Amino acid sequence: MLKIGGDMLAGILMPGAAFGCACGCGVFDVGTSSMFPSDEGGMAFLNYAYQDQNQNRNGTSDAPAANNNDKQIRTSFVTPGLQYMFNRSWGVQAEFPYDFRYFQTRDDAGNIVSRSWSAPGDIRIEGIYTGFSEVLSGGVTFGLKLPTGSYNHDADVVDRDTQIGTGSTDILLGGFFRHDLASGTHWQWFTQASLDVPTLIQGDYRPGIEGDAAAGINYRGWNLGRANIAPIAQVIGSVRGHDSGAAADGENSGYQRILLAPGIEFHMHPLKIYADVEIPVYENVKGNQLVAPALFKLGVSYMF
């Protein structure tokens, strides 16, 4: 997830009948502009995201829990990564996620069973091009998500859309832009979009195409000693097509959603800390799927 901002650069290059990781993690990869590349050099980062999918939904309404065999998917996403700009036009970023998951479902015998496990996720490697302007205000990203995460853990209980890895090789595309609201002010607006297109698949399971976009504003006029404090207001949109293949549950996958994501960033060079909470205000899911009432992000980055 090449993160071009707050989690943006951490987001372009920083979730069966359930909203598993294969069905929505891209929403953690868009938002704010604090990680946009601004000069040559490198940045090491560690991002943490969390969601507890415990509410069953059908269409745009809450639905009875009895309509969904899956009862809960709770996940912590820990993602270390490295971004490096070779010059003011070209750079690269790599992410190495490690996920912790708890899954509760009803098995074929009608019993409630649960599984807890952790494993490496799917590595993302992306290039960055920011040569459209001298101030690196806009750019594009492009790369691959590799099938390095496990997609067959305890397969008798855990469906493909709830596995930590998707088993697919995906093409990743993205873009971002930021600009001052007005010359001489501390207000800045930003926008970002990313697209994840599964291309090569395994085990007759193809995740749906996912697109995520964010737009927002931040204010950089507050200082506390050497630290700059920037409150952020943003809206995030996310769309995902339904899964396909013999191992997929196409009737209970795919969605559209909009989230409001207030956040804050602390910048004391060379360290940045970013946090936000993402609240769904509109969700339209196909079939019965588990959704989370809120999503959380925290990121720490060090520039060198």
Protein backbone atom coordinates (compact mmCIF):
# COMPACT_ATOMS: atom_id res chain seq x y z
CA MET A 1 0.00 0.00 0.00
CA LEU A 2 2.31 2.97 -1.22
CA LYS A 3 1.62 5.61 1.38
CA ILE A 4 1.55 9.01 -0.09
CA GLY A 5 -0.18 10.81 2.63
CA GLY A 6 -0.76 10.73 6.46
CA ASP A 7 -1.25 7.32 5.45
CA MET A 8 -1.52 8.34 1.93
CA LEU A 9 1.84 7.34 0.66
CA ALA A 10 1.68 4.72 3.29
CA GLY A 11 -1.59 4.00 1.63
CA ILE A 12 -0.94 3.93 -2.06
CA LEU A 13 2.39 2.10 -1.93
CA MET A 14 -0.67 1.99 4.29
CA PRO A 15 -11.35 -5.70 5.28
CA GLY A 16 -18.12 -17.58 3.95
CA ALA A 17 -20.16 -14.49 4.26
CA ALA A 18 -17.91 -11.98 5.81
CA PHE A 19 -16.07 -8.74 5.18
CA GLY A 20 -12.65 -10.43 5.46
CA CYS A 21 -9.28 -8.87 4.77
CA ALA A 22 -9.60 -9.65 1.09
CA CYS A 23 -12.75 -7.52 1.13
CA GLY A 24 -11.75 -4.13 2.38
CA CYS A 25 -8.23 -3.64 3.71
CA GLY A 26 -7.51 -1.12 0.97
CA VAL A 27 -9.45 1.47 2.93
CA PHE A 28 -6.48 1.65 5.30
CA ASP A 29 -4.27 2.70 2.40
CA VAL A 30 -5.81 6.08 1.64
CA GLY A 31 -6.02 9.24 3.69
CA THR A 32 -4.16 12.46 4.51
CA SER A 33 -1.04 13.83 2.89
CA SER A 34 1.49 13.58 5.71
CA MET A 35 3.44 10.83 3.99
CA PHE A 36 3.60 12.43 0.58
CA PRO A 37 7.21 12.45 -0.60
CA SER A 38 8.62 15.97 -0.30
CA ASP A 39 12.30 15.54 -1.14
CA GLU A 40 14.99 13.03 -1.96
CA GLY A 41 15.83 10.47 0.71
CA GLY A 42 14.19 7.71 2.67
CA MET A 43 11.49 7.04 5.23
CA ALA A 44 11.01 3.99 7.43
CA PHE A 45 7.51 3.51 8.84
CA LEU A 46 5.42 1.26 11.02
CA ASN A 47 1.65 1.33 10.62
CA TYR A 48 -1.01 -0.28 12.79
CA ALA A 49 -4.67 -0.71 11.84
CA TYR A 50 -7.53 -2.40 13.66
CA GLN A 51 -11.09 -3.42 12.92
CA ASP A 52 -13.63 -5.63 14.70
CA GLN A 53 -16.25 -6.88 12.23
CA ASN A 54 -19.09 -7.97 14.53
CA GLN A 55 -22.27 -6.55 12.98
CA ASN A 56 -24.17 -8.38 10.27
CA ARG A 57 -25.45 -6.24 7.41
CA ASN A 58 -27.54 -6.81 4.31
CA GLY A 59 -27.78 -4.08 1.70
CA THR A 60 -27.93 -0.75 3.51
CA SER A 61 -29.50 -2.09 6.71
CA ASP A 62 -28.46 -4.05 9.76
CA ALA A 63 -29.56 -7.67 9.54
CA PRO A 64 -30.15 -10.44 12.11
CA ALA A 65 -26.98 -12.25 13.19
CA ALA A 66 -28.76 -15.55 12.50
CA ASN A 67 -28.66 -14.76 8.77
CA ASN A 68 -24.87 -15.06 8.71
CA ASN A 69 -22.87 -18.12 9.82
CA ASP A 70 -19.87 -15.86 10.49
CA LYS A 71 -20.12 -14.01 13.80
CA GLN A 72 -16.92 -12.03 14.26
CA ILE A 73 -13.66 -11.19 12.45
CA ARG A 74 -11.25 -9.17 14.58
CA THR A 75 -7.97 -8.15 12.99
CA SER A 76 -4.86 -6.19 13.89
CA PHE A 77 -2.74 -5.22 10.88
CA VAL A 78 0.93 -4.45 11.63
CA THR A 79 2.84 -3.13 8.60
CA PRO A 80 6.49 -2.12 8.60
CA GLY A 81 7.80 -0.61 5.39
CA LEU A 82 10.37 1.51 3.67
CA GLN A 83 10.02 4.34 1.16
CA TYR A 84 12.95 5.84 -0.74
CA MET A 85 13.02 8.71 -3.25
CA PHE A 86 16.06 8.40 -5.49
CA ASN A 87 15.51 11.94 -6.78
CA ARG A 88 12.66 14.44 -6.98
CA SER A 89 10.86 12.38 -9.63
CA TRP A 90 11.31 8.68 -8.87
CA GLY A 91 11.00 6.53 -5.80
CA VAL A 92 9.96 3.12 -4.52
CA GLN A 93 8.13 1.71 -1.52
CA ALA A 94 7.75 -1.76 -0.05
CA GLU A 95 5.41 -2.98 2.69
CA PHE A 96 5.65 -6.20 4.69
CA PRO A 97 2.38 -6.72 6.61
CA TYR A 98 1.90 -9.11 9.50
CA ASP A 99 -1.68 -9.70 10.64
CA PHE A 100 -3.31 -11.06 13.80
CA ARG A 101 -6.82 -12.47 13.31
CA TYR A 102 -9.63 -13.90 15.43
CA PHE A 103 -12.50 -15.58 13.58
CA GLN A 104 -15.76 -16.95 14.99
CA THR A 105 -18.26 -18.85 12.84
CA ARG A 106 -20.88 -21.60 12.81
CA ASP A 107 -19.58 -24.87 11.35
CA ASP A 108 -21.48 -27.37 9.19
CA ALA A 109 -22.74 -29.16 12.33
CA GLY A 110 -24.27 -25.95 13.66
CA ASN A 111 -21.68 -25.44 16.39
CA ILE A 112 -20.00 -22.08 17.09
CA VAL A 113 -16.24 -22.46 16.60
CA SER A 114 -13.41 -19.96 16.67
CA ARG A 115 -9.86 -19.69 15.39
CA SER A 116 -7.01 -17.34 16.30
CA TRP A 117 -3.85 -17.10 14.22
CA SER A 118 -1.23 -14.72 12.94
CA ALA A 119 0.87 -14.76 9.79
CA PRO A 120 2.66 -12.57 7.25
CA GLY A 121 0.34 -10.90 4.76
CA ASP A 122 0.73 -10.07 1.08
CA ILE A 123 3.82 -7.94 0.35
CA ARG A 124 3.31 -4.79 -1.74
CA ILE A 125 6.04 -3.25 -3.88
CA GLU A 126 5.35 -0.04 -5.80
CA GLY A 127 7.10 2.67 -7.75
CA ILE A 128 6.43 6.38 -7.26
CA TYR A 129 6.60 9.12 -9.88
CA THR A 130 6.35 12.75 -8.68
CA GLY A 131 7.95 14.59 -11.58
CA PHE A 132 4.87 16.62 -12.51
CA SER A 133 5.97 19.63 -10.43
CA GLU A 134 9.07 20.89 -8.60
CA VAL A 135 7.29 20.80 -5.24
CA LEU A 136 6.19 17.14 -5.60
CA SER A 137 2.56 18.13 -5.08
CA GLY A 138 1.18 15.34 -7.25
CA GLY A 139 2.19 11.89 -8.35
CA VAL A 140 1.24 8.40 -9.45
CA THR A 141 2.07 4.98 -8.07
CA PHE A 142 2.19 1.59 -9.72
CA GLY A 143 3.25 -1.89 -8.64
CA LEU A 144 2.25 -5.35 -7.50
CA LYS A 145 0.73 -7.10 -4.51
CA LEU A 146 2.44 -10.49 -4.21
CA PRO A 147 0.76 -13.71 -2.95
CA THR A 148 3.08 -14.10 0.03
CA GLY A 149 0.34 -14.41 2.67
CA SER A 150 -1.21 -17.75 3.61
CA TYR A 151 -4.56 -18.42 1.90
CA ASN A 152 -5.27 -21.95 3.17
CA HIS A 153 -5.00 -21.76 6.96
CA ASP A 154 -7.40 -24.28 8.56
CA ALA A 155 -9.37 -24.35 5.32
CA ASP A 156 -12.12 -26.58 6.79
CA VAL A 157 -13.20 -23.65 8.99
CA VAL A 158 -11.72 -20.47 7.48
CA ASP A 159 -13.16 -19.43 4.09
CA ARG A 160 -10.99 -17.90 1.39
CA ASP A 161 -12.37 -14.40 1.94
CA THR A 162 -11.35 -14.60 5.62
CA GLN A 163 -7.79 -15.77 5.04
CA ILE A 164 -4.93 -13.37 5.77
CA GLY A 165 -3.59 -13.71 2.21
CA THR A 166 -5.69 -13.62 -0.97
CA GLY A 167 -3.52 -16.02 -2.99
CA SER A 168 -3.60 -13.58 -5.90
CA THR A 169 -1.05 -11.38 -7.63
CA ASP A 170 -2.62 -7.94 -8.03
CA ILE A 171 -1.83 -4.89 -10.14
CA LEU A 172 -1.77 -1.73 -7.99
CA LEU A 173 -2.37 1.75 -9.42
CA GLY A 174 -2.80 5.05 -7.65
CA GLY A 175 -2.51 8.81 -7.74
CA PHE A 176 -2.42 11.75 -5.32
CA PHE A 177 -2.45 15.54 -5.28
CA ARG A 178 -2.16 18.22 -2.60
CA HIS A 179 -2.27 22.01 -2.69
CA ASP A 180 -2.73 25.04 -0.44
CA LEU A 181 -6.32 26.22 -0.15
CA ALA A 182 -5.05 29.77 -0.58
CA SER A 183 -1.60 31.29 -0.90
CA GLY A 184 -0.06 32.23 2.44
CA THR A 185 -2.44 30.19 4.61
CA HIS A 186 -1.82 27.10 6.73
CA TRP A 187 -4.76 25.25 5.18
CA GLN A 188 -4.09 22.51 2.64
CA TRP A 189 -6.36 20.18 0.71
CA PHE A 190 -5.47 16.76 -0.66
CA THR A 191 -6.95 13.89 -2.61
CA GLN A 192 -5.85 10.35 -3.35
CA ALA A 193 -7.15 7.26 -5.15
CA SER A 194 -5.94 3.67 -5.42
CA LEU A 195 -7.01 0.65 -7.47
CA ASP A 196 -6.30 -3.02 -6.73
CA VAL A 197 -6.90 -5.41 -9.65
CA PRO A 198 -6.38 -9.16 -8.96
CA THR A 199 -4.71 -10.70 -12.02
CA LEU A 200 -3.14 -14.10 -11.33
CA ILE A 201 -5.10 -16.33 -8.93
CA GLN A 202 -4.76 -19.64 -7.09
CA GLY A 203 -7.26 -22.19 -5.82
CA ASP A 204 -10.12 -21.00 -8.05
CA TYR A 205 -10.67 -17.83 -6.01
CA ARG A 206 -10.58 -14.33 -7.51
CA PRO A 207 -11.06 -11.39 -5.10
CA GLY A 208 -13.18 -8.53 -6.37
CA ILE A 209 -11.56 -5.44 -7.87
CA GLU A 210 -11.25 -2.77 -5.18
CA GLY A 211 -11.07 1.01 -5.52
CA ASP A 212 -10.52 3.46 -2.64
CA ALA A 213 -10.39 7.25 -2.64
CA ALA A 214 -9.93 9.98 -0.04
CA ALA A 215 -10.30 13.75 0.02
CA GLY A 216 -9.75 16.14 2.88
CA ILE A 217 -8.20 19.22 4.40
CA ASN A 218 -5.66 19.81 7.14
CA TYR A 219 -4.44 22.80 9.12
CA ARG A 220 -0.71 23.22 9.80
CA GLY A 221 -0.69 26.44 11.81
CA TRP A 222 -0.37 24.94 15.30
CA ASN A 223 3.01 24.47 16.95
CA LEU A 224 4.05 23.18 20.36
CA GLY A 225 7.76 23.72 20.78
CA ARG A 226 9.44 21.96 17.84
CA ALA A 227 6.32 19.90 17.06
CA ASN A 228 3.82 20.90 14.40
CA ILE A 229 0.30 19.64 15.15
CA ALA A 230 -2.09 19.24 12.21
CA PRO A 231 -5.78 18.32 12.68
CA ILE A 232 -7.28 16.58 9.66
CA ALA A 233 -10.81 16.18 8.28
CA GLN A 234 -11.37 13.71 5.46
CA VAL A 235 -13.92 11.54 3.73
CA ILE A 236 -13.08 8.12 2.31
CA GLY A 237 -15.00 6.18 -0.33
CA SER A 238 -14.51 2.48 -1.02
CA VAL A 239 -15.97 0.17 -3.69
CA ARG A 240 -15.32 -3.53 -4.16
CA GLY A 241 -16.69 -5.96 -6.71
CA HIS A 242 -17.91 -9.42 -5.78
CA ASP A 243 -15.55 -12.38 -5.50
CA SER A 244 -15.68 -15.09 -8.15
CA GLY A 245 -14.57 -18.68 -8.63
CA ALA A 246 -15.58 -22.02 -7.16
CA ALA A 247 -13.97 -21.18 -3.78
CA ALA A 248 -15.71 -17.78 -3.54
CA ASP A 249 -18.99 -16.73 -1.97
CA GLY A 250 -20.03 -14.35 -4.71
CA GLU A 251 -23.53 -13.83 -3.31
CA ASN A 252 -22.11 -12.45 -0.05
CA SER A 253 -19.23 -10.26 -1.26
CA GLY A 254 -18.86 -6.81 -2.74
CA TYR A 255 -19.85 -3.45 -1.29
CA GLN A 256 -19.88 0.33 -1.47
CA ARG A 257 -19.19 2.51 1.56
CA ILE A 258 -18.36 6.03 2.68
CA LEU A 259 -16.46 6.83 5.87
CA LEU A 260 -15.71 10.04 7.76
CA ALA A 261 -12.18 9.98 9.16
CA PRO A 262 -11.06 12.75 11.54
CA GLY A 263 -7.39 12.49 12.38
CA ILE A 264 -4.34 14.27 13.73
CA GLU A 265 -0.65 14.39 12.84
CA PHE A 266 2.36 15.32 14.96
CA HIS A 267 5.52 16.26 13.07
CA MET A 268 8.82 16.86 14.82
CA HIS A 269 11.44 16.26 12.16
CA PRO A 270 12.57 13.58 11.47
CA LEU A 271 9.64 11.88 13.26
CA LYS A 272 5.96 11.87 12.28
CA ILE A 273 3.02 10.32 14.14
CA TYR A 274 -0.40 10.02 12.55
CA ALA A 275 -3.71 8.66 13.89
CA ASP A 276 -7.33 8.61 12.77
CA VAL A 277 -10.65 6.88 13.37
CA GLU A 278 -12.84 5.98 10.39
CA ILE A 279 -16.61 5.94 10.95
CA PRO A 280 -18.86 4.41 8.25
CA VAL A 281 -21.76 6.73 7.40
CA TYR A 282 -22.99 4.75 4.39
CA GLU A 283 -22.62 1.03 3.67
CA ASN A 284 -24.29 -1.05 0.97
CA VAL A 285 -23.16 -4.67 0.99
CA LYS A 286 -24.19 -7.55 -1.25
CA GLY A 287 -25.83 -10.40 0.66
CA ASN A 288 -24.96 -10.83 4.35
CA GLN A 289 -21.58 -9.54 5.48
CA LEU A 290 -19.92 -8.62 8.76
CA VAL A 291 -18.98 -4.94 9.12
CA ALA A 292 -17.08 -2.97 11.74
CA PRO A 293 -18.65 0.02 13.58
CA ALA A 294 -15.31 1.86 13.38
CA LEU A 295 -11.80 1.41 11.97
CA PHE A 296 -8.61 2.71 13.55
CA LYS A 297 -5.18 3.67 12.17
CA LEU A 298 -1.90 4.68 13.77
CA GLY A 299 1.35 5.33 11.91
CA VAL A 300 4.87 6.27 12.96
CA SER A 301 7.48 7.26 10.38
CA TYR A 302 11.13 8.30 10.52
CA MET A 303 12.77 10.24 7.68
CA PHE A 304 16.42 9.86 6.80
